C-alpha atoms as a PDB file:
ATOM      1  CA  UNK A   1      -1.018-119.201 -11.535  1.00  0.00           C
ATOM      2  CA  UNK A   2      -1.378-115.499 -12.027  1.00  0.00           C
ATOM      3  CA  UNK A   3      -3.606-115.920 -15.087  1.00  0.00           C
ATOM      4  CA  UNK A   4      -5.940-118.300 -13.234  1.00  0.00           C
ATOM      5  CA  UNK A   5      -6.163-115.774 -10.298  1.00  0.00           C
ATOM      6  CA  UNK A   6      -6.830-112.913 -12.787  1.00  0.00           C
ATOM      7  CA  UNK A   7      -9.587-115.013 -14.478  1.00  0.00           C
ATOM      8  CA  UNK A   8     -11.202-115.919 -11.148  1.00  0.00           C
ATOM      9  CA  UNK A   9     -11.179-112.365  -9.933  1.00  0.00           C
ATOM     10  CA  UNK A  10     -12.633-111.160 -13.268  1.00  0.00           C
ATOM     11  CA  UNK A  11     -15.432-113.760 -13.098  1.00  0.00           C
ATOM     12  CA  UNK A  12     -16.194-112.770  -9.508  1.00  0.00           C
ATOM     13  CA  UNK A  13     -16.403-109.119 -10.659  1.00  0.00           C
ATOM     14  CA  UNK A  14     -18.767-109.945 -13.502  1.00  0.00           C
ATOM     15  CA  UNK A  15     -21.022-111.980 -11.225  1.00  0.00           C
ATOM     16  CA  UNK A  16     -21.077-109.138  -8.536  1.00  0.00           C
ATOM     17  CA  UNK A  17     -21.881-106.417 -11.194  1.00  0.00           C
ATOM     18  CA  UNK A  18     -24.711-108.532 -12.561  1.00  0.00           C
ATOM     19  CA  UNK A  19     -26.288-109.529  -9.259  1.00  0.00           C
ATOM     20  CA  UNK A  20     -26.181-106.187  -7.402  1.00  0.00           C
ATOM     21  CA  UNK A  21     -28.872-104.385  -9.420  1.00  0.00           C
ATOM     22  CA  UNK A  22     -31.205-107.389  -8.979  1.00  0.00           C
ATOM     23  CA  UNK A  23     -30.624-107.459  -5.257  1.00  0.00           C
ATOM     24  CA  UNK A  24     -31.196-103.627  -5.046  1.00  0.00           C
ATOM     25  CA  UNK A  25     -34.679-103.973  -6.522  1.00  0.00           C
ATOM     26  CA  UNK A  26     -35.768-106.330  -3.783  1.00  0.00           C
ATOM     27  CA  UNK A  27     -34.333-104.463  -0.652  1.00  0.00           C
ATOM     28  CA  UNK A  28     -37.193-103.918   1.765  1.00  0.00           C
ATOM     29  CA  UNK A  29     -37.875-100.251   2.677  1.00  0.00           C
ATOM     30  CA  UNK A  30     -36.163 -98.990  -0.497  1.00  0.00           C
ATOM     31  CA  UNK A  31     -37.994 -96.157  -2.183  1.00  0.00           C
ATOM     32  CA  UNK A  32     -39.307 -96.641  -5.751  1.00  0.00           C
ATOM     33  CA  UNK A  33     -40.920 -94.294  -8.113  1.00  0.00           C
ATOM     34  CA  UNK A  34     -43.668 -94.590 -10.788  1.00  0.00           C
ATOM     35  CA  UNK A  35     -45.032 -92.002 -13.144  1.00  0.00           C
ATOM     36  CA  UNK A  36     -48.416 -92.287 -14.808  1.00  0.00           C
ATOM     37  CA  UNK A  37     -52.161 -91.360 -14.844  1.00  0.00           C
ATOM     38  CA  UNK A  38     -54.486 -92.052 -11.898  1.00  0.00           C
ATOM     39  CA  UNK A  39     -57.026 -94.469 -13.262  1.00  0.00           C
ATOM     40  CA  UNK A  40     -59.034 -95.360 -10.095  1.00  0.00           C
ATOM     41  CA  UNK A  41     -59.366 -94.215  -6.460  1.00  0.00           C
ATOM     42  CA  UNK A  42     -60.878 -96.255  -3.683  1.00  0.00           C
ATOM     43  CA  UNK A  43     -61.118 -94.071  -0.604  1.00  0.00           C
ATOM     44  CA  UNK A  44     -62.711 -96.811   1.462  1.00  0.00           C
ATOM     45  CA  UNK A  45     -60.043 -99.254   0.607  1.00  0.00           C
ATOM     46  CA  UNK A  46     -57.286 -96.639   0.934  1.00  0.00           C
ATOM     47  CA  UNK A  47     -55.946 -97.542  -2.592  1.00  0.00           C
ATOM     48  CA  UNK A  48     -55.524 -95.908  -6.023  1.00  0.00           C
ATOM     49  CA  UNK A  49     -54.427 -97.276  -9.313  1.00  0.00           C
ATOM     50  CA  UNK A  50     -51.908 -95.656 -11.665  1.00  0.00           C
ATOM     51  CA  UNK A  51     -51.376 -96.562 -15.309  1.00  0.00           C
ATOM     52  CA  UNK A  52     -47.673 -96.517 -15.865  1.00  0.00           C
ATOM     53  CA  UNK A  53     -46.237 -94.153 -18.577  1.00  0.00           C
ATOM     54  CA  UNK A  54     -43.466 -96.751 -19.280  1.00  0.00           C
ATOM     55  CA  UNK A  55     -45.421 -99.854 -20.118  1.00  0.00           C
ATOM     56  CA  UNK A  56     -49.110 -98.955 -19.647  1.00  0.00           C
ATOM     57  CA  UNK A  57     -49.413-101.475 -16.822  1.00  0.00           C
ATOM     58  CA  UNK A  58     -51.811-100.800 -14.017  1.00  0.00           C
ATOM     59  CA  UNK A  59     -50.342-100.772 -10.509  1.00  0.00           C
ATOM     60  CA  UNK A  60     -52.425-100.501  -7.266  1.00  0.00           C
ATOM     61  CA  UNK A  61     -50.953 -98.589  -4.405  1.00  0.00           C
ATOM     62  CA  UNK A  62     -52.071 -98.614  -0.818  1.00  0.00           C
ATOM     63  CA  UNK A  63     -51.758 -95.493   1.358  1.00  0.00           C
ATOM     64  CA  UNK A  64     -51.293 -95.253   5.127  1.00  0.00           C
ATOM     65  CA  UNK A  65     -52.500 -91.695   5.253  1.00  0.00           C
ATOM     66  CA  UNK A  66     -55.919 -91.144   3.599  1.00  0.00           C
ATOM     67  CA  UNK A  67     -55.025 -87.491   3.178  1.00  0.00           C
ATOM     68  CA  UNK A  68     -52.921 -88.581   0.110  1.00  0.00           C
ATOM     69  CA  UNK A  69     -56.104 -89.730  -1.538  1.00  0.00           C
ATOM     70  CA  UNK A  70     -57.928 -86.500  -0.817  1.00  0.00           C
ATOM     71  CA  UNK A  71     -55.727 -84.544  -3.310  1.00  0.00           C
ATOM     72  CA  UNK A  72     -55.929 -87.154  -6.089  1.00  0.00           C
ATOM     73  CA  UNK A  73     -58.253 -86.911  -9.156  1.00  0.00           C
ATOM     74  CA  UNK A  74     -58.859 -89.568 -11.755  1.00  0.00           C
ATOM     75  CA  UNK A  75     -56.864 -88.847 -14.931  1.00  0.00           C
ATOM     76  CA  UNK A  76     -54.298 -86.760 -13.149  1.00  0.00           C
ATOM     77  CA  UNK A  77     -50.767 -87.315 -14.155  1.00  0.00           C
ATOM     78  CA  UNK A  78     -48.683 -88.109 -10.981  1.00  0.00           C
ATOM     79  CA  UNK A  79     -45.296 -89.322  -9.725  1.00  0.00           C
ATOM     80  CA  UNK A  80     -45.709 -91.899  -6.911  1.00  0.00           C
ATOM     81  CA  UNK A  81     -42.975 -92.567  -4.407  1.00  0.00           C
ATOM     82  CA  UNK A  82     -43.533 -96.023  -2.843  1.00  0.00           C
ATOM     83  CA  UNK A  83     -42.047 -98.879  -0.821  1.00  0.00           C
ATOM     84  CA  UNK A  84     -42.480-102.593  -1.535  1.00  0.00           C
ATOM     85  CA  UNK A  85     -43.784-104.675   1.436  1.00  0.00           C
ATOM     86  CA  UNK A  86     -44.151-108.209   0.218  1.00  0.00           C
ATOM     87  CA  UNK A  87     -46.479-107.999  -2.761  1.00  0.00           C
ATOM     88  CA  UNK A  88     -47.935-104.656  -1.611  1.00  0.00           C
ATOM     89  CA  UNK A  89     -46.901-101.324  -2.962  1.00  0.00           C
ATOM     90  CA  UNK A  90     -47.219 -98.662  -0.251  1.00  0.00           C
ATOM     91  CA  UNK A  91     -47.326 -95.024  -1.489  1.00  0.00           C
ATOM     92  CA  UNK A  92     -45.352 -92.687   0.592  1.00  0.00           C
ATOM     93  CA  UNK A  93     -45.758 -89.524  -1.544  1.00  0.00           C
ATOM     94  CA  UNK A  94     -47.845 -88.505  -4.554  1.00  0.00           C
ATOM     95  CA  UNK A  95     -47.067 -85.422  -6.524  1.00  0.00           C
ATOM     96  CA  UNK A  96     -48.641 -83.967  -9.537  1.00  0.00           C
ATOM     97  CA  UNK A  97     -46.428 -84.324 -12.537  1.00  0.00           C
ATOM     98  CA  UNK A  98     -46.603 -81.641 -15.303  1.00  0.00           C
ATOM     99  CA  UNK A  99     -46.225 -83.120 -18.765  1.00  0.00           C
ATOM    100  CA  UNK A 100     -43.453 -81.776 -20.804  1.00  0.00           C
ATOM    101  CA  UNK A 101     -43.795 -81.133 -24.469  1.00  0.00           C
ATOM    102  CA  UNK A 102     -40.920 -81.601 -26.670  1.00  0.00           C
ATOM    103  CA  UNK A 103     -40.106 -79.787 -29.910  1.00  0.00           C
ATOM    104  CA  UNK A 104     -40.748 -81.876 -32.931  1.00  0.00           C
ATOM    105  CA  UNK A 105     -37.929 -82.594 -35.361  1.00  0.00           C
ATOM    106  CA  UNK A 106     -38.402 -81.376 -38.916  1.00  0.00           C
END
């Protein structure tokens, strides 16, 4: 009986550990971050597009405050803090990201 209880608890623990990260990605209002280069700015549409450093995918962000767009330039390397609202990505903060150079190995 103790072995069955231990196996059941172990299985429940494994399931919990595997599902919590997936759940955390879809929590409404949770802040996310993306780093990349600004590839397009649409001031009339209150949107801008960033090409991700990780996978080179383009992501379009909406802004509530048009002042965020005023300081952006195409080609600029930025870090975007955003929230997911349905299928929309809402930028809450955009900061210029300086690129770090790493020493090459010889």
